[in-house]
Amino acid sequence: MNGAEEFEIRFLDHVAIRVTDIEVSAKWYEDVLGLKKYQLKEWGAFPVFMLANKTGIALFPANETDEPIDQKSKNVGIDHFAFNVTNENFEKAKRKYTAMNLEFTIQDHHYFISMYTKDPDGHTVELTTIVVDEKSFYKP
């Protein structure tokens, strides 16, 4: 490609989302998904990172005086973000969501089964698990 040097992505580091209350959202992501809170003094009050290993989300305050984004719109924007879990952890999450009375839906995507719920600000959060041999989907 135009003689440009190729590079390799290691993993998705984070997705940045705007929330109405950083503390409420941080608690939700900790309680529901078990993400760990990282708030670095060098950065001040935000962003607040919520991480599982090296992957997660960065919480930023929303500017509530801006026009709201239509959550049902399929226009350009982030539709949802997904965390991958093992089949065993998918079943554990299903039981946890049920025990917490969280609304969620499950969809069969042939190679994956996914569970969708909404965070306190209406962001769609997906947990997904592969249900076929990984080599049949993740090809080099």
N, C-alpha and C. Protein backbone atom coordinates (compact mmCIF):
# COMPACT_ATOMS: atom_id res chain seq x y z
N MET A 1 0.83 -1.19 0.00
CA MET A 1 0.00 0.00 0.00
C MET A 1 0.87 1.25 0.00
N ASN A 2 1.12 1.81 -1.14
CA ASN A 2 1.91 3.04 -1.28
C ASN A 2 3.27 2.95 -0.60
N GLY A 3 3.82 1.75 -0.46
CA GLY A 3 5.13 1.60 0.15
C GLY A 3 5.15 1.85 1.65
N ALA A 4 4.00 2.03 2.26
CA ALA A 4 3.95 2.28 3.71
C ALA A 4 4.26 1.00 4.46
N GLU A 5 4.94 1.13 5.57
CA GLU A 5 5.30 -0.02 6.39
C GLU A 5 4.06 -0.57 7.09
N GLU A 6 3.90 -1.90 7.09
CA GLU A 6 2.77 -2.54 7.75
C GLU A 6 3.04 -2.65 9.25
N PHE A 7 2.00 -2.67 10.02
CA PHE A 7 2.11 -2.85 11.47
C PHE A 7 1.00 -3.77 11.93
N GLU A 8 1.14 -4.28 13.16
CA GLU A 8 0.19 -5.25 13.69
C GLU A 8 -0.47 -4.71 14.96
N ILE A 9 -1.77 -4.87 15.04
CA ILE A 9 -2.54 -4.48 16.23
C ILE A 9 -2.39 -5.59 17.27
N ARG A 10 -2.13 -5.24 18.51
CA ARG A 10 -2.01 -6.23 19.58
C ARG A 10 -3.36 -6.57 20.19
N PHE A 11 -4.18 -5.58 20.54
CA PHE A 11 -5.50 -5.80 21.13
C PHE A 11 -6.23 -4.47 21.14
N LEU A 12 -7.54 -4.49 21.33
CA LEU A 12 -8.30 -3.26 21.48
C LEU A 12 -8.07 -2.75 22.90
N ASP A 13 -7.49 -1.58 23.01
CA ASP A 13 -7.13 -1.02 24.31
C ASP A 13 -8.38 -0.55 25.07
N HIS A 14 -9.12 0.36 24.48
CA HIS A 14 -10.33 0.85 25.14
C HIS A 14 -11.26 1.52 24.14
N VAL A 15 -12.48 1.69 24.56
CA VAL A 15 -13.48 2.48 23.85
C VAL A 15 -13.84 3.62 24.80
N ALA A 16 -13.84 4.85 24.31
CA ALA A 16 -14.18 6.00 25.14
C ALA A 16 -15.67 6.30 24.98
N ILE A 17 -16.35 6.43 26.11
CA ILE A 17 -17.78 6.75 26.07
C ILE A 17 -18.07 7.95 26.97
N ARG A 18 -19.09 8.70 26.62
CA ARG A 18 -19.54 9.85 27.40
C ARG A 18 -20.71 9.39 28.27
N VAL A 19 -20.65 9.75 29.55
CA VAL A 19 -21.67 9.31 30.51
C VAL A 19 -22.15 10.51 31.33
N THR A 20 -23.37 10.40 31.86
CA THR A 20 -23.92 11.50 32.65
C THR A 20 -23.33 11.57 34.05
N ASP A 21 -22.94 10.44 34.61
CA ASP A 21 -22.37 10.40 35.95
C ASP A 21 -21.26 9.34 35.98
N ILE A 22 -20.02 9.80 36.03
CA ILE A 22 -18.87 8.88 35.96
C ILE A 22 -18.91 7.87 37.10
N GLU A 23 -19.23 8.30 38.31
CA GLU A 23 -19.23 7.37 39.45
C GLU A 23 -20.32 6.31 39.31
N VAL A 24 -21.52 6.71 38.87
CA VAL A 24 -22.60 5.75 38.66
C VAL A 24 -22.20 4.73 37.59
N SER A 25 -21.63 5.22 36.49
CA SER A 25 -21.21 4.32 35.42
C SER A 25 -20.07 3.41 35.86
N ALA A 26 -19.10 3.96 36.57
CA ALA A 26 -17.98 3.15 37.05
C ALA A 26 -18.49 2.02 37.94
N LYS A 27 -19.42 2.34 38.83
CA LYS A 27 -19.98 1.32 39.72
C LYS A 27 -20.73 0.27 38.91
N TRP A 28 -21.50 0.67 37.90
CA TRP A 28 -22.24 -0.27 37.08
C TRP A 28 -21.28 -1.23 36.38
N TYR A 29 -20.24 -0.70 35.75
CA TYR A 29 -19.28 -1.56 35.03
C TYR A 29 -18.51 -2.47 35.99
N GLU A 30 -18.28 -2.01 37.19
CA GLU A 30 -17.63 -2.85 38.19
C GLU A 30 -18.59 -3.94 38.67
N ASP A 31 -19.80 -3.55 39.04
CA ASP A 31 -20.77 -4.51 39.58
C ASP A 31 -21.25 -5.51 38.54
N VAL A 32 -21.54 -5.06 37.33
CA VAL A 32 -22.13 -5.92 36.30
C VAL A 32 -21.06 -6.74 35.57
N LEU A 33 -19.98 -6.09 35.15
CA LEU A 33 -18.97 -6.78 34.34
C LEU A 33 -17.70 -7.14 35.10
N GLY A 34 -17.56 -6.63 36.31
CA GLY A 34 -16.36 -6.94 37.08
C GLY A 34 -15.13 -6.18 36.62
N LEU A 35 -15.32 -5.08 35.89
CA LEU A 35 -14.17 -4.29 35.44
C LEU A 35 -13.56 -3.56 36.62
N LYS A 36 -12.25 -3.38 36.57
CA LYS A 36 -11.51 -2.71 37.64
C LYS A 36 -11.30 -1.25 37.28
N LYS A 37 -11.45 -0.39 38.29
CA LYS A 37 -11.35 1.06 38.09
C LYS A 37 -9.90 1.52 38.19
N TYR A 38 -9.48 2.30 37.19
CA TYR A 38 -8.17 2.93 37.17
C TYR A 38 -8.38 4.42 36.95
N GLN A 39 -8.06 5.21 37.97
CA GLN A 39 -8.17 6.66 37.84
C GLN A 39 -6.80 7.22 38.18
N LEU A 40 -6.16 7.77 37.19
CA LEU A 40 -4.78 8.22 37.33
C LEU A 40 -4.72 9.68 37.74
N LYS A 41 -4.02 9.96 38.83
CA LYS A 41 -3.97 11.33 39.36
C LYS A 41 -3.39 12.31 38.34
N GLU A 42 -2.48 11.84 37.49
CA GLU A 42 -1.88 12.71 36.48
C GLU A 42 -2.90 13.24 35.48
N TRP A 43 -4.03 12.55 35.34
CA TRP A 43 -5.04 12.94 34.37
C TRP A 43 -6.20 13.70 35.00
N GLY A 44 -6.25 13.80 36.30
CA GLY A 44 -7.32 14.52 36.95
C GLY A 44 -8.58 13.67 37.12
N ALA A 45 -9.72 14.32 37.07
CA ALA A 45 -11.00 13.65 37.35
C ALA A 45 -11.42 12.66 36.26
N PHE A 46 -10.95 12.86 35.05
CA PHE A 46 -11.29 11.95 33.96
C PHE A 46 -10.18 11.95 32.94
N PRO A 47 -10.09 10.90 32.14
CA PRO A 47 -11.01 9.76 32.08
C PRO A 47 -10.81 8.80 33.25
N VAL A 48 -11.86 8.04 33.51
CA VAL A 48 -11.79 6.93 34.45
C VAL A 48 -11.81 5.67 33.58
N PHE A 49 -10.76 4.87 33.70
CA PHE A 49 -10.70 3.63 32.94
C PHE A 49 -11.31 2.50 33.74
N MET A 50 -12.08 1.66 33.06
CA MET A 50 -12.66 0.45 33.63
C MET A 50 -12.12 -0.69 32.79
N LEU A 51 -11.25 -1.53 33.39
CA LEU A 51 -10.48 -2.48 32.60
C LEU A 51 -10.65 -3.92 33.05
N ALA A 52 -10.57 -4.82 32.08
CA ALA A 52 -10.41 -6.25 32.28
C ALA A 52 -9.09 -6.59 31.60
N ASN A 53 -8.09 -6.87 32.40
CA ASN A 53 -6.74 -7.04 31.87
C ASN A 53 -6.32 -5.75 31.19
N LYS A 54 -6.03 -5.78 29.90
CA LYS A 54 -5.58 -4.58 29.20
C LYS A 54 -6.65 -3.99 28.29
N THR A 55 -7.88 -4.44 28.43
CA THR A 55 -8.96 -3.98 27.56
C THR A 55 -10.09 -3.41 28.38
N GLY A 56 -10.71 -2.35 27.90
CA GLY A 56 -11.83 -1.81 28.64
C GLY A 56 -12.42 -0.58 28.02
N ILE A 57 -12.97 0.26 28.89
CA ILE A 57 -13.62 1.49 28.46
C ILE A 57 -13.03 2.66 29.25
N ALA A 58 -13.10 3.83 28.65
CA ALA A 58 -12.70 5.06 29.31
C ALA A 58 -13.95 5.92 29.44
N LEU A 59 -14.26 6.31 30.68
CA LEU A 59 -15.45 7.11 30.94
C LEU A 59 -15.09 8.59 30.94
N PHE A 60 -15.84 9.36 30.17
CA PHE A 60 -15.69 10.81 30.10
C PHE A 60 -17.04 11.44 30.42
N PRO A 61 -17.04 12.63 31.02
CA PRO A 61 -18.32 13.28 31.30
C PRO A 61 -19.01 13.74 30.02
N ALA A 62 -20.31 13.56 29.97
CA ALA A 62 -21.09 14.05 28.84
C ALA A 62 -21.35 15.53 29.02
N ASN A 63 -21.48 16.22 27.92
CA ASN A 63 -21.90 17.62 27.95
C ASN A 63 -23.41 17.59 27.73
N GLU A 64 -24.16 17.67 28.81
CA GLU A 64 -25.60 17.49 28.72
C GLU A 64 -26.32 18.68 28.10
N THR A 65 -25.58 19.77 27.79
CA THR A 65 -26.21 20.89 27.09
C THR A 65 -26.19 20.68 25.58
N ASP A 66 -25.38 19.72 25.08
CA ASP A 66 -25.40 19.38 23.66
C ASP A 66 -26.69 18.65 23.32
N GLU A 67 -27.03 18.65 22.04
CA GLU A 67 -28.20 17.91 21.60
C GLU A 67 -27.99 16.42 21.89
N PRO A 68 -29.00 15.73 22.43
CA PRO A 68 -28.85 14.30 22.68
C PRO A 68 -28.78 13.51 21.37
N ILE A 69 -28.07 12.40 21.44
CA ILE A 69 -27.97 11.49 20.31
C ILE A 69 -29.12 10.51 20.41
N ASP A 70 -29.80 10.29 19.31
CA ASP A 70 -30.91 9.34 19.29
C ASP A 70 -30.33 7.93 19.44
N GLN A 71 -30.62 7.28 20.58
CA GLN A 71 -30.08 5.94 20.87
C GLN A 71 -30.55 4.90 19.87
N LYS A 72 -31.65 5.14 19.18
CA LYS A 72 -32.19 4.17 18.22
C LYS A 72 -31.67 4.41 16.80
N SER A 73 -30.92 5.51 16.61
CA SER A 73 -30.42 5.84 15.29
C SER A 73 -29.38 4.82 14.83
N LYS A 74 -29.45 4.49 13.57
CA LYS A 74 -28.45 3.61 12.95
C LYS A 74 -27.52 4.43 12.05
N ASN A 75 -27.49 5.76 12.28
CA ASN A 75 -26.60 6.62 11.53
C ASN A 75 -25.17 6.35 11.98
N VAL A 76 -24.20 7.07 11.42
CA VAL A 76 -22.80 6.89 11.76
C VAL A 76 -22.60 7.08 13.26
N GLY A 77 -21.88 6.17 13.88
CA GLY A 77 -21.60 6.22 15.32
C GLY A 77 -21.33 4.82 15.83
N ILE A 78 -21.00 4.72 17.09
CA ILE A 78 -20.76 3.41 17.69
C ILE A 78 -22.11 2.81 18.04
N ASP A 79 -22.38 1.65 17.50
CA ASP A 79 -23.65 0.96 17.76
C ASP A 79 -23.60 0.23 19.10
N HIS A 80 -22.50 -0.44 19.36
CA HIS A 80 -22.31 -1.18 20.61
C HIS A 80 -20.84 -1.55 20.72
N PHE A 81 -20.45 -2.04 21.88
CA PHE A 81 -19.11 -2.60 22.03
C PHE A 81 -19.24 -3.93 22.75
N ALA A 82 -18.29 -4.83 22.48
CA ALA A 82 -18.41 -6.20 22.95
C ALA A 82 -17.16 -6.64 23.70
N PHE A 83 -17.42 -7.41 24.75
CA PHE A 83 -16.35 -8.08 25.49
C PHE A 83 -16.47 -9.57 25.23
N ASN A 84 -15.35 -10.22 24.94
CA ASN A 84 -15.34 -11.65 24.69
C ASN A 84 -15.17 -12.40 26.00
N VAL A 85 -15.96 -13.45 26.19
CA VAL A 85 -15.87 -14.30 27.37
C VAL A 85 -15.89 -15.76 26.94
N THR A 86 -15.44 -16.64 27.83
CA THR A 86 -15.52 -18.07 27.55
C THR A 86 -16.98 -18.52 27.63
N ASN A 87 -17.26 -19.70 27.11
CA ASN A 87 -18.62 -20.26 27.19
C ASN A 87 -19.06 -20.36 28.65
N GLU A 88 -18.16 -20.81 29.52
CA GLU A 88 -18.48 -20.94 30.94
C GLU A 88 -18.82 -19.58 31.56
N ASN A 89 -18.03 -18.57 31.23
CA ASN A 89 -18.30 -17.24 31.78
C ASN A 89 -19.54 -16.59 31.17
N PHE A 90 -19.87 -16.97 29.94
CA PHE A 90 -21.11 -16.49 29.33
C PHE A 90 -22.31 -16.99 30.15
N GLU A 91 -22.27 -18.27 30.53
CA GLU A 91 -23.36 -18.84 31.34
C GLU A 91 -23.41 -18.19 32.73
N LYS A 92 -22.24 -17.93 33.31
CA LYS A 92 -22.19 -17.24 34.61
C LYS A 92 -22.78 -15.84 34.49
N ALA A 93 -22.44 -15.14 33.41
CA ALA A 93 -22.96 -13.79 33.20
C ALA A 93 -24.48 -13.81 33.04
N LYS A 94 -24.98 -14.81 32.33
CA LYS A 94 -26.43 -14.93 32.15
C LYS A 94 -27.12 -15.08 33.50
N ARG A 95 -26.55 -15.93 34.35
CA ARG A 95 -27.13 -16.12 35.69
C ARG A 95 -27.01 -14.84 36.52
N LYS A 96 -25.89 -14.14 36.41
CA LYS A 96 -25.68 -12.90 37.16
C LYS A 96 -26.66 -11.83 36.70
N TYR A 97 -26.81 -11.65 35.39
CA TYR A 97 -27.74 -10.65 34.85
C TYR A 97 -29.16 -10.95 35.34
N THR A 98 -29.52 -12.23 35.33
CA THR A 98 -30.86 -12.63 35.79
C THR A 98 -31.02 -12.30 37.27
N ALA A 99 -30.03 -12.63 38.08
CA ALA A 99 -30.08 -12.37 39.52
C ALA A 99 -30.14 -10.87 39.81
N MET A 100 -29.52 -10.07 38.96
CA MET A 100 -29.51 -8.61 39.14
C MET A 100 -30.75 -7.95 38.52
N ASN A 101 -31.62 -8.76 37.92
CA ASN A 101 -32.82 -8.24 37.24
C ASN A 101 -32.48 -7.27 36.12
N LEU A 102 -31.36 -7.51 35.42
CA LEU A 102 -30.99 -6.68 34.27
C LEU A 102 -31.78 -7.16 33.06
N GLU A 103 -32.24 -6.22 32.27
CA GLU A 103 -32.87 -6.60 31.00
C GLU A 103 -31.75 -6.95 30.03
N PHE A 104 -31.91 -8.06 29.33
CA PHE A 104 -30.91 -8.44 28.33
C PHE A 104 -31.57 -9.31 27.27
N THR A 105 -30.92 -9.35 26.11
CA THR A 105 -31.37 -10.23 25.03
C THR A 105 -30.19 -11.09 24.61
N ILE A 106 -30.50 -12.24 24.05
CA ILE A 106 -29.47 -13.15 23.55
C ILE A 106 -29.72 -13.39 22.07
N GLN A 107 -28.64 -13.33 21.29
CA GLN A 107 -28.74 -13.58 19.85
C GLN A 107 -27.72 -14.62 19.43
N ASP A 108 -28.16 -15.52 18.57
CA ASP A 108 -27.29 -16.55 18.01
C ASP A 108 -26.74 -16.00 16.70
N HIS A 109 -25.41 -15.84 16.62
CA HIS A 109 -24.74 -15.33 15.43
C HIS A 109 -23.97 -16.46 14.72
N HIS A 110 -24.42 -17.66 14.83
CA HIS A 110 -23.86 -18.87 14.23
C HIS A 110 -22.48 -19.22 14.82
N TYR A 111 -21.51 -18.38 14.65
CA TYR A 111 -20.18 -18.63 15.20
C TYR A 111 -20.08 -18.21 16.67
N PHE A 112 -20.92 -17.27 17.03
CA PHE A 112 -20.92 -16.69 18.37
C PHE A 112 -22.35 -16.64 18.91
N ILE A 113 -22.46 -16.62 20.23
CA ILE A 113 -23.71 -16.28 20.89
C ILE A 113 -23.41 -15.03 21.69
N SER A 114 -24.31 -14.06 21.60
CA SER A 114 -24.09 -12.78 22.24
C SER A 114 -25.25 -12.40 23.14
N MET A 115 -24.91 -11.72 24.22
CA MET A 115 -25.89 -11.22 25.17
C MET A 115 -25.73 -9.69 25.21
N TYR A 116 -26.85 -9.00 25.09
CA TYR A 116 -26.84 -7.54 25.03
C TYR A 116 -27.62 -6.95 26.20
N THR A 117 -27.07 -5.90 26.79
CA THR A 117 -27.76 -5.15 27.83
C THR A 117 -27.39 -3.68 27.65
N LYS A 118 -28.01 -2.82 28.43
CA LYS A 118 -27.75 -1.38 28.36
C LYS A 118 -27.13 -0.91 29.67
N ASP A 119 -26.15 0.00 29.57
CA ASP A 119 -25.57 0.59 30.77
C ASP A 119 -26.49 1.74 31.23
N PRO A 120 -26.17 2.43 32.32
CA PRO A 120 -27.06 3.48 32.83
C PRO A 120 -27.36 4.61 31.83
N ASP A 121 -26.49 4.83 30.85
CA ASP A 121 -26.72 5.87 29.86
C ASP A 121 -27.28 5.35 28.55
N GLY A 122 -27.60 4.06 28.50
CA GLY A 122 -28.20 3.50 27.29
C GLY A 122 -27.23 2.97 26.27
N HIS A 123 -25.91 2.94 26.59
CA HIS A 123 -24.95 2.32 25.67
C HIS A 123 -25.22 0.82 25.63
N THR A 124 -25.19 0.23 24.45
CA THR A 124 -25.38 -1.21 24.33
C THR A 124 -24.06 -1.91 24.59
N VAL A 125 -24.07 -2.81 25.57
CA VAL A 125 -22.88 -3.56 25.97
C VAL A 125 -23.14 -5.03 25.65
N GLU A 126 -22.23 -5.61 24.89
CA GLU A 126 -22.36 -7.01 24.45
C GLU A 126 -21.32 -7.87 25.14
N LEU A 127 -21.74 -9.06 25.55
CA LEU A 127 -20.82 -10.13 25.92
C LEU A 127 -20.98 -11.18 24.83
N THR A 128 -19.88 -11.67 24.30
CA THR A 128 -19.95 -12.63 23.21
C THR A 128 -19.03 -13.81 23.49
N THR A 129 -19.46 -14.98 23.04
CA THR A 129 -18.65 -16.18 23.21
C THR A 129 -18.69 -17.00 21.93
N ILE A 130 -17.56 -17.53 21.55
CA ILE A 130 -17.49 -18.33 20.33
C ILE A 130 -18.02 -19.73 20.62
N VAL A 131 -18.80 -20.28 19.69
CA VAL A 131 -19.42 -21.59 19.90
C VAL A 131 -18.98 -22.61 18.85
N VAL A 132 -17.98 -22.25 18.06
CA VAL A 132 -17.38 -23.17 17.10
C VAL A 132 -15.89 -23.23 17.40
N ASP A 133 -15.21 -24.14 16.75
CA ASP A 133 -13.75 -24.21 16.90
C ASP A 133 -13.16 -22.88 16.43
N GLU A 134 -12.37 -22.24 17.28
CA GLU A 134 -11.84 -20.93 16.96
C GLU A 134 -11.11 -20.89 15.62
N LYS A 135 -10.45 -21.99 15.25
CA LYS A 135 -9.71 -22.03 13.99
C LYS A 135 -10.61 -21.93 12.77
N SER A 136 -11.89 -22.28 12.94
CA SER A 136 -12.81 -22.17 11.80
C SER A 136 -13.29 -20.73 11.61
N PHE A 137 -13.07 -19.88 12.60
CA PHE A 137 -13.47 -18.49 12.47
C PHE A 137 -12.26 -17.55 12.37
N TYR A 138 -11.31 -17.68 13.28
CA TYR A 138 -10.13 -16.82 13.31
C TYR A 138 -9.05 -17.46 12.44
N LYS A 139 -9.06 -17.07 11.19
CA LYS A 139 -8.09 -17.63 10.25
C LYS A 139 -6.93 -16.66 10.09
N PRO A 140 -5.72 -17.19 9.97
CA PRO A 140 -4.55 -16.30 9.83
C PRO A 140 -4.58 -15.49 8.55
